[in-house]
């Protein structure tokens, strides 16, 4: 299995003071918000730059192109989300399948907090991949593979604890989890309700081989 291009770092992006701000980090943060809501193809630089207070001509001091900017945003989102996954799935104070449920609860709260305006950036970009720079494809694949590996390892822990059948194909189950989860996130965003996330997770858990 491929390893991710960038090893996820722990912690959210630090909030930067206006007196000593990291403009590049602020641009990435603004891009995360815009691209998560609107997608890459529909996101112009003007709105992103305006929110940070950076003139358009100065953008290229920080990034060579919109493609390079998009790559940085994807990298940051992949790292941030992997950090959230690790916090839930590696928490040994809970049983493995409970850890998976904790991730789902955290994701539900996140979508509710943002009023269902934001979905999964990586999933969203995967749906518009034919409109994106080709360099994004492998980057997105590698991120998904790492997230999938985290789920796979959690399911293997469930096997060791007796929550899951020892004959279960954890790699395939982990892949199927993400395929279904991304659809559930898109539906939750559409209907502005966490119900699709709840329904999907309940279905996934009840169909696991015991």
C-alpha atoms as a PDB file:
ATOM      1  CA  UNK A   1       0.000   0.000   0.000  1.00  0.00           C
ATOM      2  CA  UNK A   2       1.302   3.482  -0.838  1.00  0.00           C
ATOM      3  CA  UNK A   3       2.397   5.743   1.973  1.00  0.00           C
ATOM      4  CA  UNK A   4       1.201   9.345   2.127  1.00  0.00           C
ATOM      5  CA  UNK A   5       3.342  12.020   0.487  1.00  0.00           C
ATOM      6  CA  UNK A   6       3.288  14.078   3.659  1.00  0.00           C
ATOM      7  CA  UNK A   7       3.355  12.671   7.183  1.00  0.00           C
ATOM      8  CA  UNK A   8       0.466  14.187   9.144  1.00  0.00           C
ATOM      9  CA  UNK A   9       1.438  16.541  11.944  1.00  0.00           C
ATOM     10  CA  UNK A  10      -0.381  16.708  15.227  1.00  0.00           C
ATOM     11  CA  UNK A  11      -2.435  19.750  16.120  1.00  0.00           C
ATOM     12  CA  UNK A  12      -4.536  22.299  14.342  1.00  0.00           C
ATOM     13  CA  UNK A  13      -2.934  25.184  12.442  1.00  0.00           C
ATOM     14  CA  UNK A  14      -1.833  27.798  14.991  1.00  0.00           C
ATOM     15  CA  UNK A  15      -3.769  31.022  15.075  1.00  0.00           C
ATOM     16  CA  UNK A  16      -1.475  33.802  13.966  1.00  0.00           C
ATOM     17  CA  UNK A  17      -1.618  37.301  15.409  1.00  0.00           C
ATOM     18  CA  UNK A  18      -2.108  40.224  13.064  1.00  0.00           C
ATOM     19  CA  UNK A  19       1.010  41.889  14.460  1.00  0.00           C
ATOM     20  CA  UNK A  20       3.277  39.011  13.473  1.00  0.00           C
ATOM     21  CA  UNK A  21       1.244  37.010  11.026  1.00  0.00           C
ATOM     22  CA  UNK A  22       2.322  34.209   8.756  1.00  0.00           C
ATOM     23  CA  UNK A  23       0.664  35.384   5.560  1.00  0.00           C
ATOM     24  CA  UNK A  24       1.276  32.133   3.723  1.00  0.00           C
ATOM     25  CA  UNK A  25      -0.421  30.159   6.508  1.00  0.00           C
ATOM     26  CA  UNK A  26      -3.344  32.609   6.481  1.00  0.00           C
ATOM     27  CA  UNK A  27      -3.752  32.189   2.738  1.00  0.00           C
ATOM     28  CA  UNK A  28      -3.840  28.420   3.149  1.00  0.00           C
ATOM     29  CA  UNK A  29      -6.396  28.727   5.954  1.00  0.00           C
ATOM     30  CA  UNK A  30      -8.566  31.019   3.836  1.00  0.00           C
ATOM     31  CA  UNK A  31      -8.217  28.618   0.930  1.00  0.00           C
ATOM     32  CA  UNK A  32      -9.291  25.713   3.127  1.00  0.00           C
ATOM     33  CA  UNK A  33     -12.501  27.501   4.045  1.00  0.00           C
ATOM     34  CA  UNK A  34     -13.260  28.547   0.481  1.00  0.00           C
ATOM     35  CA  UNK A  35     -12.375  25.275  -1.253  1.00  0.00           C
ATOM     36  CA  UNK A  36     -14.206  23.151   1.334  1.00  0.00           C
ATOM     37  CA  UNK A  37     -17.398  25.103   0.658  1.00  0.00           C
ATOM     38  CA  UNK A  38     -17.077  25.863  -3.070  1.00  0.00           C
ATOM     39  CA  UNK A  39     -14.592  23.391  -4.552  1.00  0.00           C
ATOM     40  CA  UNK A  40     -11.460  24.219  -6.533  1.00  0.00           C
ATOM     41  CA  UNK A  41     -12.901  24.966  -9.953  1.00  0.00           C
ATOM     42  CA  UNK A  42     -15.443  27.452  -8.567  1.00  0.00           C
ATOM     43  CA  UNK A  43     -13.040  29.210  -6.196  1.00  0.00           C
ATOM     44  CA  UNK A  44     -11.418  32.357  -7.507  1.00  0.00           C
ATOM     45  CA  UNK A  45      -8.391  33.852  -5.823  1.00  0.00           C
ATOM     46  CA  UNK A  46     -10.007  37.254  -5.314  1.00  0.00           C
ATOM     47  CA  UNK A  47     -12.231  36.223  -2.404  1.00  0.00           C
ATOM     48  CA  UNK A  48      -9.446  34.236  -0.730  1.00  0.00           C
ATOM     49  CA  UNK A  49      -7.011  37.152  -1.010  1.00  0.00           C
ATOM     50  CA  UNK A  50      -9.552  39.707   0.154  1.00  0.00           C
ATOM     51  CA  UNK A  51     -10.207  37.804   3.375  1.00  0.00           C
ATOM     52  CA  UNK A  52      -6.507  37.864   4.196  1.00  0.00           C
ATOM     53  CA  UNK A  53      -5.900  41.399   2.924  1.00  0.00           C
ATOM     54  CA  UNK A  54      -3.284  40.414   0.351  1.00  0.00           C
ATOM     55  CA  UNK A  55      -3.112  42.209  -3.030  1.00  0.00           C
ATOM     56  CA  UNK A  56      -3.473  39.895  -6.004  1.00  0.00           C
ATOM     57  CA  UNK A  57      -0.032  40.774  -7.267  1.00  0.00           C
ATOM     58  CA  UNK A  58       1.497  39.685  -3.975  1.00  0.00           C
ATOM     59  CA  UNK A  59      -0.044  36.202  -4.162  1.00  0.00           C
ATOM     60  CA  UNK A  60       2.757  34.969  -6.399  1.00  0.00           C
ATOM     61  CA  UNK A  61       5.301  35.922  -3.780  1.00  0.00           C
ATOM     62  CA  UNK A  62       3.947  33.036  -1.713  1.00  0.00           C
ATOM     63  CA  UNK A  63       2.864  30.555  -4.411  1.00  0.00           C
ATOM     64  CA  UNK A  64       4.063  30.044  -7.971  1.00  0.00           C
ATOM     65  CA  UNK A  65       0.561  29.324  -9.255  1.00  0.00           C
ATOM     66  CA  UNK A  66      -3.002  28.510  -8.256  1.00  0.00           C
ATOM     67  CA  UNK A  67      -2.048  24.854  -8.744  1.00  0.00           C
ATOM     68  CA  UNK A  68       0.776  25.137  -6.198  1.00  0.00           C
ATOM     69  CA  UNK A  69      -1.614  26.906  -3.844  1.00  0.00           C
ATOM     70  CA  UNK A  70      -4.157  24.114  -4.263  1.00  0.00           C
ATOM     71  CA  UNK A  71      -1.498  21.512  -3.510  1.00  0.00           C
ATOM     72  CA  UNK A  72      -0.591  23.323  -0.274  1.00  0.00           C
ATOM     73  CA  UNK A  73      -4.242  23.538   0.758  1.00  0.00           C
ATOM     74  CA  UNK A  74      -4.810  19.832   0.065  1.00  0.00           C
ATOM     75  CA  UNK A  75      -1.680  18.915   2.013  1.00  0.00           C
ATOM     76  CA  UNK A  76      -2.786  20.983   4.991  1.00  0.00           C
ATOM     77  CA  UNK A  77      -6.310  19.550   4.971  1.00  0.00           C
ATOM     78  CA  UNK A  78      -5.019  15.990   4.658  1.00  0.00           C
ATOM     79  CA  UNK A  79      -2.699  16.527   7.615  1.00  0.00           C
ATOM     80  CA  UNK A  80      -5.360  18.208   9.728  1.00  0.00           C
ATOM     81  CA  UNK A  81      -7.971  15.527   9.074  1.00  0.00           C
ATOM     82  CA  UNK A  82      -5.484  12.700   9.653  1.00  0.00           C
ATOM     83  CA  UNK A  83      -4.751  14.323  12.994  1.00  0.00           C
ATOM     84  CA  UNK A  84      -8.462  14.203  13.889  1.00  0.00           C
ATOM     85  CA  UNK A  85      -8.672  10.571  12.808  1.00  0.00           C
ATOM     86  CA  UNK A  86      -5.630   9.605  14.838  1.00  0.00           C
ATOM     87  CA  UNK A  87      -6.999  11.333  17.927  1.00  0.00           C
ATOM     88  CA  UNK A  88     -10.108   9.136  17.759  1.00  0.00           C
ATOM     89  CA  UNK A  89      -8.809   5.864  16.328  1.00  0.00           C
ATOM     90  CA  UNK A  90      -5.649   5.584  18.428  1.00  0.00           C
ATOM     91  CA  UNK A  91      -7.368   6.343  21.734  1.00  0.00           C
ATOM     92  CA  UNK A  92      -6.950   3.054  23.580  1.00  0.00           C
ATOM     93  CA  UNK A  93      -9.210   4.157  26.421  1.00  0.00           C
ATOM     94  CA  UNK A  94     -12.081   3.037  24.152  1.00  0.00           C
ATOM     95  CA  UNK A  95     -12.731  -0.244  22.365  1.00  0.00           C
ATOM     96  CA  UNK A  96     -11.783  -0.175  18.638  1.00  0.00           C
ATOM     97  CA  UNK A  97     -15.320   0.026  17.244  1.00  0.00           C
ATOM     98  CA  UNK A  98     -16.233   2.668  19.825  1.00  0.00           C
ATOM     99  CA  UNK A  99     -13.258   4.699  18.578  1.00  0.00           C
ATOM    100  CA  UNK A 100     -14.708   4.547  15.083  1.00  0.00           C
ATOM    101  CA  UNK A 101     -18.029   5.733  16.469  1.00  0.00           C
ATOM    102  CA  UNK A 102     -16.253   8.581  18.255  1.00  0.00           C
ATOM    103  CA  UNK A 103     -14.814   9.734  14.932  1.00  0.00           C
ATOM    104  CA  UNK A 104     -18.287   9.756  13.406  1.00  0.00           C
ATOM    105  CA  UNK A 105     -19.656  11.790  16.323  1.00  0.00           C
ATOM    106  CA  UNK A 106     -16.824  14.296  15.987  1.00  0.00           C
ATOM    107  CA  UNK A 107     -17.465  14.618  12.242  1.00  0.00           C
ATOM    108  CA  UNK A 108     -21.182  15.168  12.861  1.00  0.00           C
ATOM    109  CA  UNK A 109     -20.463  17.953  15.329  1.00  0.00           C
ATOM    110  CA  UNK A 110     -18.086  19.563  12.840  1.00  0.00           C
ATOM    111  CA  UNK A 111     -20.668  19.627  10.063  1.00  0.00           C
ATOM    112  CA  UNK A 112     -23.322  20.974  12.422  1.00  0.00           C
ATOM    113  CA  UNK A 113     -20.951  23.671  13.678  1.00  0.00           C
ATOM    114  CA  UNK A 114     -20.404  24.880  10.107  1.00  0.00           C
ATOM    115  CA  UNK A 115     -24.123  24.616   9.298  1.00  0.00           C
ATOM    116  CA  UNK A 116     -23.468  21.865   6.736  1.00  0.00           C
ATOM    117  CA  UNK A 117     -21.718  24.327   4.411  1.00  0.00           C
ATOM    118  CA  UNK A 118     -18.485  22.349   4.496  1.00  0.00           C
ATOM    119  CA  UNK A 119     -18.005  18.756   3.518  1.00  0.00           C
ATOM    120  CA  UNK A 120     -14.778  16.833   2.992  1.00  0.00           C
ATOM    121  CA  UNK A 121     -12.315  18.779   0.853  1.00  0.00           C
ATOM    122  CA  UNK A 122     -10.553  15.653  -0.391  1.00  0.00           C
ATOM    123  CA  UNK A 123     -13.845  13.967  -1.251  1.00  0.00           C
ATOM    124  CA  UNK A 124     -15.147  17.097  -2.962  1.00  0.00           C
ATOM    125  CA  UNK A 125     -12.030  17.455  -5.081  1.00  0.00           C
ATOM    126  CA  UNK A 126     -12.160  13.779  -5.993  1.00  0.00           C
ATOM    127  CA  UNK A 127     -15.569  14.397  -7.550  1.00  0.00           C
ATOM    128  CA  UNK A 128     -14.267  17.185  -9.772  1.00  0.00           C
ATOM    129  CA  UNK A 129     -10.906  15.555 -10.554  1.00  0.00           C
ATOM    130  CA  UNK A 130     -11.301  15.868 -14.332  1.00  0.00           C
ATOM    131  CA  UNK A 131     -11.434  19.655 -13.933  1.00  0.00           C
ATOM    132  CA  UNK A 132      -8.346  19.807 -11.723  1.00  0.00           C
ATOM    133  CA  UNK A 133      -4.616  19.828 -12.419  1.00  0.00           C
ATOM    134  CA  UNK A 134      -3.362  16.276 -12.916  1.00  0.00           C
ATOM    135  CA  UNK A 135      -0.884  16.737 -10.059  1.00  0.00           C
ATOM    136  CA  UNK A 136      -3.801  16.677  -7.619  1.00  0.00           C
ATOM    137  CA  UNK A 137      -4.812  13.111  -8.494  1.00  0.00           C
ATOM    138  CA  UNK A 138      -2.006  11.198  -6.790  1.00  0.00           C
ATOM    139  CA  UNK A 139      -1.963  13.626  -3.894  1.00  0.00           C
ATOM    140  CA  UNK A 140      -5.644  12.931  -3.205  1.00  0.00           C
ATOM    141  CA  UNK A 141      -5.175   9.171  -3.655  1.00  0.00           C
ATOM    142  CA  UNK A 142      -2.299   9.112  -1.150  1.00  0.00           C
ATOM    143  CA  UNK A 143      -4.326  11.004   1.438  1.00  0.00           C
ATOM    144  CA  UNK A 144      -7.248   8.614   1.067  1.00  0.00           C
ATOM    145  CA  UNK A 145      -4.890   5.645   1.364  1.00  0.00           C
ATOM    146  CA  UNK A 146      -3.508   6.920   4.653  1.00  0.00           C
ATOM    147  CA  UNK A 147      -6.970   7.582   6.075  1.00  0.00           C
ATOM    148  CA  UNK A 148      -7.966   4.116   4.906  1.00  0.00           C
ATOM    149  CA  UNK A 149      -4.932   2.617   6.626  1.00  0.00           C
ATOM    150  CA  UNK A 150      -5.989   4.199   9.922  1.00  0.00           C
ATOM    151  CA  UNK A 151      -9.444   2.607   9.633  1.00  0.00           C
ATOM    152  CA  UNK A 152      -7.889  -0.719   8.622  1.00  0.00           C
ATOM    153  CA  UNK A 153      -5.625  -0.742  11.674  1.00  0.00           C
ATOM    154  CA  UNK A 154      -8.562   0.111  13.921  1.00  0.00           C
ATOM    155  CA  UNK A 155     -10.527  -2.803  12.482  1.00  0.00           C
ATOM    156  CA  UNK A 156      -7.548  -5.123  12.992  1.00  0.00           C
ATOM    157  CA  UNK A 157      -7.515  -4.023  16.633  1.00  0.00           C
ATOM    158  CA  UNK A 158     -11.221  -4.917  16.727  1.00  0.00           C
ATOM    159  CA  UNK A 159     -10.285  -8.388  15.525  1.00  0.00           C
ATOM    160  CA  UNK A 160      -7.764  -8.774  18.328  1.00  0.00           C
ATOM    161  CA  UNK A 161     -10.304  -7.646  20.912  1.00  0.00           C
ATOM    162  CA  UNK A 162     -12.984 -10.017  19.612  1.00  0.00           C
ATOM    163  CA  UNK A 163     -15.308  -7.289  18.291  1.00  0.00           C
ATOM    164  CA  UNK A 164     -14.754  -8.368  14.688  1.00  0.00           C
ATOM    165  CA  UNK A 165     -14.433 -11.752  13.014  1.00  0.00           C
ATOM    166  CA  UNK A 166     -10.840 -12.870  12.503  1.00  0.00           C
ATOM    167  CA  UNK A 167     -11.749 -13.792   8.918  1.00  0.00           C
ATOM    168  CA  UNK A 168     -12.837 -10.239   8.045  1.00  0.00           C
ATOM    169  CA  UNK A 169     -10.910  -8.502   5.267  1.00  0.00           C
ATOM    170  CA  UNK A 170     -10.000  -5.309   7.125  1.00  0.00           C
ATOM    171  CA  UNK A 171      -8.354  -3.675   4.120  1.00  0.00           C
ATOM    172  CA  UNK A 172     -11.481  -4.104   2.001  1.00  0.00           C
ATOM    173  CA  UNK A 173     -13.763  -3.030   4.844  1.00  0.00           C
ATOM    174  CA  UNK A 174     -11.701   0.118   5.351  1.00  0.00           C
ATOM    175  CA  UNK A 175     -11.893   0.966   1.652  1.00  0.00           C
ATOM    176  CA  UNK A 176     -15.639   0.406   1.659  1.00  0.00           C
ATOM    177  CA  UNK A 177     -16.011   2.562   4.760  1.00  0.00           C
ATOM    178  CA  UNK A 178     -14.515   5.588   3.000  1.00  0.00           C
ATOM    179  CA  UNK A 179     -16.415   5.046  -0.220  1.00  0.00           C
ATOM    180  CA  UNK A 180     -19.690   5.054   1.702  1.00  0.00           C
ATOM    181  CA  UNK A 181     -18.648   7.758   4.156  1.00  0.00           C
ATOM    182  CA  UNK A 182     -17.880  10.294   1.425  1.00  0.00           C
ATOM    183  CA  UNK A 183     -21.324   9.713  -0.043  1.00  0.00           C
ATOM    184  CA  UNK A 184     -22.929  10.144   3.368  1.00  0.00           C
ATOM    185  CA  UNK A 185     -21.048  13.423   3.904  1.00  0.00           C
ATOM    186  CA  UNK A 186     -22.230  14.729   0.519  1.00  0.00           C
ATOM    187  CA  UNK A 187     -25.832  13.772   1.329  1.00  0.00           C
ATOM    188  CA  UNK A 188     -25.620  15.382   4.792  1.00  0.00           C
ATOM    189  CA  UNK A 189     -24.411  18.601   3.169  1.00  0.00           C
ATOM    190  CA  UNK A 190     -27.257  18.435   0.638  1.00  0.00           C
ATOM    191  CA  UNK A 191     -30.070  17.853   3.128  1.00  0.00           C
ATOM    192  CA  UNK A 192     -28.428  19.871   5.926  1.00  0.00           C
ATOM    193  CA  UNK A 193     -28.818  17.084   8.427  1.00  0.00           C
ATOM    194  CA  UNK A 194     -26.507  14.660  10.245  1.00  0.00           C
ATOM    195  CA  UNK A 195     -28.983  11.833   9.667  1.00  0.00           C
ATOM    196  CA  UNK A 196     -27.184  10.415   6.584  1.00  0.00           C
ATOM    197  CA  UNK A 197     -23.990  10.099   8.648  1.00  0.00           C
ATOM    198  CA  UNK A 198     -25.856   8.296  11.419  1.00  0.00           C
ATOM    199  CA  UNK A 199     -27.649   6.002   8.980  1.00  0.00           C
ATOM    200  CA  UNK A 200     -24.477   5.083   7.139  1.00  0.00           C
ATOM    201  CA  UNK A 201     -22.460   4.358  10.262  1.00  0.00           C
ATOM    202  CA  UNK A 202     -25.235   2.246  11.772  1.00  0.00           C
ATOM    203  CA  UNK A 203     -25.429   0.245   8.549  1.00  0.00           C
ATOM    204  CA  UNK A 204     -21.654  -0.201   8.401  1.00  0.00           C
ATOM    205  CA  UNK A 205     -21.428  -1.397  12.013  1.00  0.00           C
ATOM    206  CA  UNK A 206     -24.371  -3.800  11.802  1.00  0.00           C
ATOM    207  CA  UNK A 207     -23.018  -5.450   8.619  1.00  0.00           C
ATOM    208  CA  UNK A 208     -19.539  -6.103  10.023  1.00  0.00           C
ATOM    209  CA  UNK A 209     -18.784  -9.832  10.315  1.00  0.00           C
ATOM    210  CA  UNK A 210     -18.726 -10.829  13.989  1.00  0.00           C
END
